[in-house]
């Protein structure tokens, strides 16, 4: 499981991560405050957090977001 701490663009982050086809599957589970939690299949939590971070930063709207991706 990973956690993405992000205050803005949460819907876009959820949509992006659930649509990735990189051999890792992200499934949105819950929101607590500004933390979004995702179940991960196909990789360990550390690798999945790195992939999520890179994928968010690669988006036109992701480069200006303040966020963190961490194993949970």
PDB file of N, CA and C in Angstrom:
ATOM      1  N   UNK A   1       0.851  -1.175   0.000  1.00  0.00           N
ATOM      2  CA  UNK A   1       0.000   0.000   0.000  1.00  0.00           C
ATOM      3  C   UNK A   1       0.897   1.239   0.000  1.00  0.00           C
ATOM      4  N   UNK A   2       0.463   2.267  -0.728  1.00  0.00           N
ATOM      5  CA  UNK A   2       1.172   3.549  -0.707  1.00  0.00           C
ATOM      6  C   UNK A   2       0.199   4.654  -0.304  1.00  0.00           C
ATOM      7  N   UNK A   3       0.779   5.754   0.152  1.00  0.00           N
ATOM      8  CA  UNK A   3      -0.004   6.945   0.473  1.00  0.00           C
ATOM      9  C   UNK A   3       0.513   8.099  -0.374  1.00  0.00           C
ATOM     10  N   UNK A   4      -0.406   8.865  -0.920  1.00  0.00           N
ATOM     11  CA  UNK A   4      -0.054  10.073  -1.673  1.00  0.00           C
ATOM     12  C   UNK A   4      -0.643  11.252  -0.903  1.00  0.00           C
ATOM     13  N   UNK A   5       0.232  12.089  -0.376  1.00  0.00           N
ATOM     14  CA  UNK A   5      -0.193  13.298   0.334  1.00  0.00           C
ATOM     15  C   UNK A   5      -0.291  14.410  -0.693  1.00  0.00           C
ATOM     16  N   UNK A   6      -1.513  14.834  -0.984  1.00  0.00           N
ATOM     17  CA  UNK A   6      -1.708  15.891  -1.969  1.00  0.00           C
ATOM     18  C   UNK A   6      -3.016  16.613  -1.648  1.00  0.00           C
ATOM     19  N   UNK A   7      -2.952  17.933  -1.600  1.00  0.00           N
ATOM     20  CA  UNK A   7      -4.130  18.718  -1.240  1.00  0.00           C
ATOM     21  C   UNK A   7      -4.981  19.080  -2.460  1.00  0.00           C
ATOM     22  N   UNK A   8      -4.347  19.248  -3.606  1.00  0.00           N
ATOM     23  CA  UNK A   8      -5.064  19.670  -4.807  1.00  0.00           C
ATOM     24  C   UNK A   8      -5.000  18.575  -5.868  1.00  0.00           C
ATOM     25  N   UNK A   9      -5.921  18.627  -6.803  1.00  0.00           N
ATOM     26  CA  UNK A   9      -5.961  17.703  -7.947  1.00  0.00           C
ATOM     27  C   UNK A   9      -6.087  16.239  -7.526  1.00  0.00           C
ATOM     28  N   UNK A  10      -6.752  15.979  -6.407  1.00  0.00           N
ATOM     29  CA  UNK A  10      -6.875  14.602  -5.918  1.00  0.00           C
ATOM     30  C   UNK A  10      -7.601  13.703  -6.913  1.00  0.00           C
ATOM     31  N   UNK A  11      -8.642  14.205  -7.541  1.00  0.00           N
ATOM     32  CA  UNK A  11      -9.380  13.396  -8.521  1.00  0.00           C
ATOM     33  C   UNK A  11      -8.489  13.002  -9.692  1.00  0.00           C
ATOM     34  N   UNK A  12      -7.662  13.925 -10.140  1.00  0.00           N
ATOM     35  CA  UNK A  12      -6.758  13.636 -11.252  1.00  0.00           C
ATOM     36  C   UNK A  12      -5.688  12.632 -10.849  1.00  0.00           C
ATOM     37  N   UNK A  13      -5.193  12.724  -9.616  1.00  0.00           N
ATOM     38  CA  UNK A  13      -4.187  11.774  -9.134  1.00  0.00           C
ATOM     39  C   UNK A  13      -4.790  10.368  -9.084  1.00  0.00           C
ATOM     40  N   UNK A  14      -5.987  10.250  -8.558  1.00  0.00           N
ATOM     41  CA  UNK A  14      -6.663   8.945  -8.492  1.00  0.00           C
ATOM     42  C   UNK A  14      -6.855   8.383  -9.890  1.00  0.00           C
ATOM     43  N   UNK A  15      -7.386   9.198 -10.784  1.00  0.00           N
ATOM     44  CA  UNK A  15      -7.626   8.760 -12.162  1.00  0.00           C
ATOM     45  C   UNK A  15      -6.331   8.325 -12.836  1.00  0.00           C
ATOM     46  N   UNK A  16      -5.269   9.100 -12.663  1.00  0.00           N
ATOM     47  CA  UNK A  16      -3.987   8.792 -13.283  1.00  0.00           C
ATOM     48  C   UNK A  16      -3.432   7.463 -12.779  1.00  0.00           C
ATOM     49  N   UNK A  17      -3.348   7.304 -11.477  1.00  0.00           N
ATOM     50  CA  UNK A  17      -2.731   6.101 -10.933  1.00  0.00           C
ATOM     51  C   UNK A  17      -3.540   4.847 -11.252  1.00  0.00           C
ATOM     52  N   UNK A  18      -4.852   4.943 -11.229  1.00  0.00           N
ATOM     53  CA  UNK A  18      -5.665   3.773 -11.559  1.00  0.00           C
ATOM     54  C   UNK A  18      -5.607   3.416 -13.043  1.00  0.00           C
ATOM     55  N   UNK A  19      -5.194   4.346 -13.885  1.00  0.00           N
ATOM     56  CA  UNK A  19      -5.133   4.077 -15.318  1.00  0.00           C
ATOM     57  C   UNK A  19      -3.738   3.664 -15.802  1.00  0.00           C
ATOM     58  N   UNK A  20      -2.742   3.656 -14.932  1.00  0.00           N
ATOM     59  CA  UNK A  20      -1.384   3.304 -15.357  1.00  0.00           C
ATOM     60  C   UNK A  20      -1.301   1.856 -15.798  1.00  0.00           C
ATOM     61  N   UNK A  21      -0.529   1.619 -16.859  1.00  0.00           N
ATOM     62  CA  UNK A  21      -0.278   0.271 -17.373  1.00  0.00           C
ATOM     63  C   UNK A  21       1.223   0.034 -17.430  1.00  0.00           C
ATOM     64  N   UNK A  22       1.878   0.096 -16.297  1.00  0.00           N
ATOM     65  CA  UNK A  22       3.334  -0.038 -16.216  1.00  0.00           C
ATOM     66  C   UNK A  22       3.730  -1.355 -15.548  1.00  0.00           C
ATOM     67  N   UNK A  23       2.832  -2.330 -15.526  1.00  0.00           N
ATOM     68  CA  UNK A  23       3.102  -3.582 -14.837  1.00  0.00           C
ATOM     69  C   UNK A  23       2.788  -3.517 -13.352  1.00  0.00           C
ATOM     70  N   UNK A  24       2.348  -2.366 -12.905  1.00  0.00           N
ATOM     71  CA  UNK A  24       1.957  -2.164 -11.506  1.00  0.00           C
ATOM     72  C   UNK A  24       0.516  -1.669 -11.517  1.00  0.00           C
ATOM     73  N   UNK A  25      -0.317  -2.245 -10.669  1.00  0.00           N
ATOM     74  CA  UNK A  25      -1.714  -1.856 -10.590  1.00  0.00           C
ATOM     75  C   UNK A  25      -1.966  -1.098  -9.289  1.00  0.00           C
ATOM     76  N   UNK A  26      -2.519   0.095  -9.413  1.00  0.00           N
ATOM     77  CA  UNK A  26      -2.890   0.912  -8.259  1.00  0.00           C
ATOM     78  C   UNK A  26      -4.414   0.883  -8.126  1.00  0.00           C
ATOM     79  N   UNK A  27      -4.897   0.598  -6.929  1.00  0.00           N
ATOM     80  CA  UNK A  27      -6.327   0.590  -6.661  1.00  0.00           C
ATOM     81  C   UNK A  27      -6.605   1.541  -5.509  1.00  0.00           C
ATOM     82  N   UNK A  28      -7.380   2.580  -5.771  1.00  0.00           N
ATOM     83  CA  UNK A  28      -7.720   3.560  -4.737  1.00  0.00           C
ATOM     84  C   UNK A  28      -8.545   2.888  -3.655  1.00  0.00           C
ATOM     85  N   UNK A  29      -8.151   3.112  -2.380  1.00  0.00           N
ATOM     86  CA  UNK A  29      -8.856   2.502  -1.255  1.00  0.00           C
ATOM     87  C   UNK A  29      -9.591   3.516  -0.394  1.00  0.00           C
ATOM     88  N   UNK A  30      -8.893   4.566   0.052  1.00  0.00           N
ATOM     89  CA  UNK A  30      -9.551   5.522   0.943  1.00  0.00           C
ATOM     90  C   UNK A  30      -8.787   6.842   0.996  1.00  0.00           C
ATOM     91  N   UNK A  31      -9.448   7.810   1.586  1.00  0.00           N
ATOM     92  CA  UNK A  31      -8.887   9.141   1.795  1.00  0.00           C
ATOM     93  C   UNK A  31      -8.986   9.464   3.281  1.00  0.00           C
ATOM     94  N   UNK A  32      -7.879   9.932   3.849  1.00  0.00           N
ATOM     95  CA  UNK A  32      -7.856  10.405   5.241  1.00  0.00           C
ATOM     96  C   UNK A  32      -7.184  11.774   5.227  1.00  0.00           C
ATOM     97  N   UNK A  33      -7.961  12.818   5.417  1.00  0.00           N
ATOM     98  CA  UNK A  33      -7.405  14.168   5.322  1.00  0.00           C
ATOM     99  C   UNK A  33      -6.961  14.422   3.899  1.00  0.00           C
ATOM    100  N   UNK A  34      -5.675  14.753   3.732  1.00  0.00           N
ATOM    101  CA  UNK A  34      -5.153  14.967   2.379  1.00  0.00           C
ATOM    102  C   UNK A  34      -4.408  13.737   1.856  1.00  0.00           C
ATOM    103  N   UNK A  35      -4.430  12.627   2.591  1.00  0.00           N
ATOM    104  CA  UNK A  35      -3.759  11.405   2.164  1.00  0.00           C
ATOM    105  C   UNK A  35      -4.702  10.521   1.365  1.00  0.00           C
ATOM    106  N   UNK A  36      -4.229  10.091   0.219  1.00  0.00           N
ATOM    107  CA  UNK A  36      -4.941   9.121  -0.606  1.00  0.00           C
ATOM    108  C   UNK A  36      -4.191   7.800  -0.484  1.00  0.00           C
ATOM    109  N   UNK A  37      -4.904   6.728  -0.190  1.00  0.00           N
ATOM    110  CA  UNK A  37      -4.279   5.417  -0.020  1.00  0.00           C
ATOM    111  C   UNK A  37      -4.621   4.516  -1.201  1.00  0.00           C
ATOM    112  N   UNK A  38      -3.598   3.824  -1.709  1.00  0.00           N
ATOM    113  CA  UNK A  38      -3.740   2.928  -2.848  1.00  0.00           C
ATOM    114  C   UNK A  38      -3.151   1.565  -2.519  1.00  0.00           C
ATOM    115  N   UNK A  39      -3.901   0.500  -2.842  1.00  0.00           N
ATOM    116  CA  UNK A  39      -3.363  -0.858  -2.811  1.00  0.00           C
ATOM    117  C   UNK A  39      -2.519  -1.018  -4.070  1.00  0.00           C
ATOM    118  N   UNK A  40      -1.435  -1.782  -3.962  1.00  0.00           N
ATOM    119  CA  UNK A  40      -0.517  -1.946  -5.082  1.00  0.00           C
ATOM    120  C   UNK A  40      -0.327  -3.434  -5.369  1.00  0.00           C
ATOM    121  N   UNK A  41      -0.412  -3.808  -6.648  1.00  0.00           N
ATOM    122  CA  UNK A  41      -0.112  -5.169  -7.101  1.00  0.00           C
ATOM    123  C   UNK A  41       0.956  -5.082  -8.173  1.00  0.00           C
ATOM    124  N   UNK A  42       1.914  -5.997  -8.139  1.00  0.00           N
ATOM    125  CA  UNK A  42       2.929  -6.065  -9.185  1.00  0.00           C
ATOM    126  C   UNK A  42       4.262  -5.455  -8.807  1.00  0.00           C
ATOM    127  N   UNK A  43       4.370  -4.849  -7.630  1.00  0.00           N
ATOM    128  CA  UNK A  43       5.639  -4.256  -7.191  1.00  0.00           C
ATOM    129  C   UNK A  43       5.576  -4.050  -5.686  1.00  0.00           C
ATOM    130  N   UNK A  44       6.760  -3.896  -5.087  1.00  0.00           N
ATOM    131  CA  UNK A  44       6.783  -3.581  -3.662  1.00  0.00           C
ATOM    132  C   UNK A  44       6.391  -2.117  -3.471  1.00  0.00           C
ATOM    133  N   UNK A  45       6.063  -1.753  -2.242  1.00  0.00           N
ATOM    134  CA  UNK A  45       5.551  -0.409  -1.961  1.00  0.00           C
ATOM    135  C   UNK A  45       6.560   0.681  -2.312  1.00  0.00           C
ATOM    136  N   UNK A  46       7.835   0.432  -2.074  1.00  0.00           N
ATOM    137  CA  UNK A  46       8.871   1.444  -2.372  1.00  0.00           C
ATOM    138  C   UNK A  46       8.933   1.732  -3.873  1.00  0.00           C
ATOM    139  N   UNK A  47       8.952   0.688  -4.678  1.00  0.00           N
ATOM    140  CA  UNK A  47       8.988   0.841  -6.132  1.00  0.00           C
ATOM    141  C   UNK A  47       7.718   1.508  -6.645  1.00  0.00           C
ATOM    142  N   UNK A  48       6.582   1.104  -6.096  1.00  0.00           N
ATOM    143  CA  UNK A  48       5.300   1.684  -6.512  1.00  0.00           C
ATOM    144  C   UNK A  48       5.233   3.171  -6.173  1.00  0.00           C
ATOM    145  N   UNK A  49       5.759   3.562  -5.014  1.00  0.00           N
ATOM    146  CA  UNK A  49       5.765   4.980  -4.627  1.00  0.00           C
ATOM    147  C   UNK A  49       6.612   5.796  -5.592  1.00  0.00           C
ATOM    148  N   UNK A  50       7.747   5.251  -6.005  1.00  0.00           N
ATOM    149  CA  UNK A  50       8.611   5.957  -6.970  1.00  0.00           C
ATOM    150  C   UNK A  50       7.922   6.104  -8.316  1.00  0.00           C
ATOM    151  N   UNK A  51       7.252   5.034  -8.764  1.00  0.00           N
ATOM    152  CA  UNK A  51       6.521   5.086 -10.035  1.00  0.00           C
ATOM    153  C   UNK A  51       5.388   6.104  -9.973  1.00  0.00           C
ATOM    154  N   UNK A  52       4.665   6.123  -8.870  1.00  0.00           N
ATOM    155  CA  UNK A  52       3.571   7.084  -8.710  1.00  0.00           C
ATOM    156  C   UNK A  52       4.099   8.513  -8.763  1.00  0.00           C
ATOM    157  N   UNK A  53       5.196   8.771  -8.067  1.00  0.00           N
ATOM    158  CA  UNK A  53       5.777  10.116  -8.046  1.00  0.00           C
ATOM    159  C   UNK A  53       6.206  10.547  -9.451  1.00  0.00           C
ATOM    160  N   UNK A  54       6.908   9.663 -10.154  1.00  0.00           N
ATOM    161  CA  UNK A  54       7.360   9.993 -11.507  1.00  0.00           C
ATOM    162  C   UNK A  54       6.178  10.235 -12.443  1.00  0.00           C
ATOM    163  N   UNK A  55       5.137   9.419 -12.307  1.00  0.00           N
ATOM    164  CA  UNK A  55       3.969   9.544 -13.177  1.00  0.00           C
ATOM    165  C   UNK A  55       3.225  10.850 -12.934  1.00  0.00           C
ATOM    166  N   UNK A  56       3.085  11.237 -11.674  1.00  0.00           N
ATOM    167  CA  UNK A  56       2.402  12.500 -11.353  1.00  0.00           C
ATOM    168  C   UNK A  56       3.212  13.683 -11.858  1.00  0.00           C
ATOM    169  N   UNK A  57       4.539  13.663 -11.641  1.00  0.00           N
ATOM    170  CA  UNK A  57       5.390  14.769 -12.095  1.00  0.00           C
ATOM    171  C   UNK A  57       5.401  14.908 -13.617  1.00  0.00           C
ATOM    172  N   UNK A  58       5.164  13.810 -14.331  1.00  0.00           N
ATOM    173  CA  UNK A  58       5.192  13.841 -15.796  1.00  0.00           C
ATOM    174  C   UNK A  58       3.960  14.508 -16.399  1.00  0.00           C
ATOM    175  N   UNK A  59       2.922  14.699 -15.597  1.00  0.00           N
ATOM    176  CA  UNK A  59       1.695  15.335 -16.097  1.00  0.00           C
ATOM    177  C   UNK A  59       1.867  16.851 -16.162  1.00  0.00           C
ATOM    178  N   UNK A  60       1.187  17.514 -17.101  1.00  0.00           N
ATOM    179  CA  UNK A  60       1.281  18.976 -17.186  1.00  0.00           C
ATOM    180  C   UNK A  60       0.857  19.664 -15.884  1.00  0.00           C
ATOM    181  N   UNK A  61      -0.124  19.101 -15.198  1.00  0.00           N
ATOM    182  CA  UNK A  61      -0.605  19.677 -13.937  1.00  0.00           C
ATOM    183  C   UNK A  61       0.201  19.187 -12.734  1.00  0.00           C
ATOM    184  N   UNK A  62       0.990  18.125 -12.899  1.00  0.00           N
ATOM    185  CA  UNK A  62       1.712  17.524 -11.783  1.00  0.00           C
ATOM    186  C   UNK A  62       3.002  18.216 -11.413  1.00  0.00           C
ATOM    187  N   UNK A  63       3.599  18.915 -12.365  1.00  0.00           N
ATOM    188  CA  UNK A  63       4.866  19.583 -12.092  1.00  0.00           C
ATOM    189  C   UNK A  63       4.777  20.718 -11.096  1.00  0.00           C
ATOM    190  N   UNK A  64       3.587  21.261 -10.899  1.00  0.00           N
ATOM    191  CA  UNK A  64       3.417  22.389  -9.979  1.00  0.00           C
ATOM    192  C   UNK A  64       2.786  21.991  -8.641  1.00  0.00           C
ATOM    193  N   UNK A  65       2.473  20.696  -8.490  1.00  0.00           N
ATOM    194  CA  UNK A  65       1.861  20.232  -7.250  1.00  0.00           C
ATOM    195  C   UNK A  65       2.904  20.008  -6.157  1.00  0.00           C
ATOM    196  N   UNK A  66       2.520  20.276  -4.922  1.00  0.00           N
ATOM    197  CA  UNK A  66       3.314  19.874  -3.781  1.00  0.00           C
ATOM    198  C   UNK A  66       2.694  18.582  -3.263  1.00  0.00           C
ATOM    199  N   UNK A  67       3.444  17.474  -3.337  1.00  0.00           N
ATOM    200  CA  UNK A  67       2.903  16.189  -2.929  1.00  0.00           C
ATOM    201  C   UNK A  67       4.036  15.267  -2.485  1.00  0.00           C
ATOM    202  N   UNK A  68       3.657  14.197  -1.812  1.00  0.00           N
ATOM    203  CA  UNK A  68       4.600  13.153  -1.406  1.00  0.00           C
ATOM    204  C   UNK A  68       3.977  11.803  -1.687  1.00  0.00           C
ATOM    205  N   UNK A  69       4.794  10.856  -2.107  1.00  0.00           N
ATOM    206  CA  UNK A  69       4.372   9.478  -2.294  1.00  0.00           C
ATOM    207  C   UNK A  69       5.246   8.617  -1.387  1.00  0.00           C
ATOM    208  N   UNK A  70       4.615   7.883  -0.481  1.00  0.00           N
ATOM    209  CA  UNK A  70       5.366   7.077   0.477  1.00  0.00           C
ATOM    210  C   UNK A  70       4.722   5.705   0.647  1.00  0.00           C
ATOM    211  N   UNK A  71       5.539   4.695   0.965  1.00  0.00           N
ATOM    212  CA  UNK A  71       4.954   3.391   1.323  1.00  0.00           C
ATOM    213  C   UNK A  71       4.121   3.567   2.596  1.00  0.00           C
ATOM    214  N   UNK A  72       3.019   2.861   2.688  1.00  0.00           N
ATOM    215  CA  UNK A  72       2.160   2.984   3.868  1.00  0.00           C
ATOM    216  C   UNK A  72       2.006   1.637   4.560  1.00  0.00           C
TER     217      UNK A  72
END
